[in-house]
Amino acid sequence: MKTLSTTLRFWDRTHQLGRMGLRDLFLAYFTHYAVIVYLVLAGASIAAFARWPAPLVPTLAIVLLVAVAYPLVWYVLHRWVLHSRWMFKVPALAGIWKRIHYDHHMDPDRLEILFGALHTTLPTLPLVAALPGWLIGGTGGALIGFATGLLYTAFYEFAHCVQHLGWKPRNRWLATMKRRHMEHHFHDEDGNFGITSFVWDRLFGTLYTRTQRPAKSATVFNLGYTDAVAARYPAVANRSRSMPHRPGRRRS
């Protein structure tokens, strides 16, 4: 049985999801500082909502809106921001791009860089969750919208971990989701942008299977940030321990 001190030291070392099981993932998930903050803030927002509630119908509308909008917001950010080739050209944004996406594609199974950083996740929630909630249901609407956004973010983080976990889901739907995401990471990064849903990939024409794209992308790991590009735009390279990075374990 793991002692408390062992649990607290979990994040003192590097972890590869491909070598972990579900039990290890649960330990990692519920001891990660970002997840703890999401859950604490969500609990506080729900408690405040109980004190200043919105009417039932607006509340249900806000929860549904955030749940539907979140995958679309992620799709837009993932496709047109994180997979764009302009962030690394801006020194002020290069570090953010490196932290939240470049490092993850270079080493997809490395757990500590898979989780989002609070300074990149929390600032979006007032805009995409609390503000619509306030417009629909006032203060109570903003609180329940913010709480829904936080809980969906926590769920998204867990689902993303499961996609990289060394575990094959028995459920056909989950197995298909995992396969599409692995193709995004290890075959062709220009597609399959969803994590918890591929509805928007289907609607925008970016959903694919490996058989539909036989040729492997040359930039699936470095996202186009090659040695030649790094020589011209060195901000990401200067923040990296070495260039080029060694990609993570390759899987189909």
Foldseek 3Di string as FASTA:
>chain_A
DDDPVNLQCPVVDWDFQLPDDPVVLVSVLVNDPLLVVLVVLLVVLVVVCVVVPFDDVLLVVLLVQLVVCVQVVQLCCQQVPLLDPCQLQDLVRVVVSCQQPLVCLQAVRTLVSLQDDCVVQVVCQLVSFLVVLCVRTNPSRSSSSSSSSSVVSSVLSSQSSVLRHSDQDPDPVSNVLSQQVLCCRAFNVQASSGRPDCPVRVVVVRRDHCVVPVHGDPCSNRSPCAPVVCVVRVSNVVVDPHPPRHGHDRDD
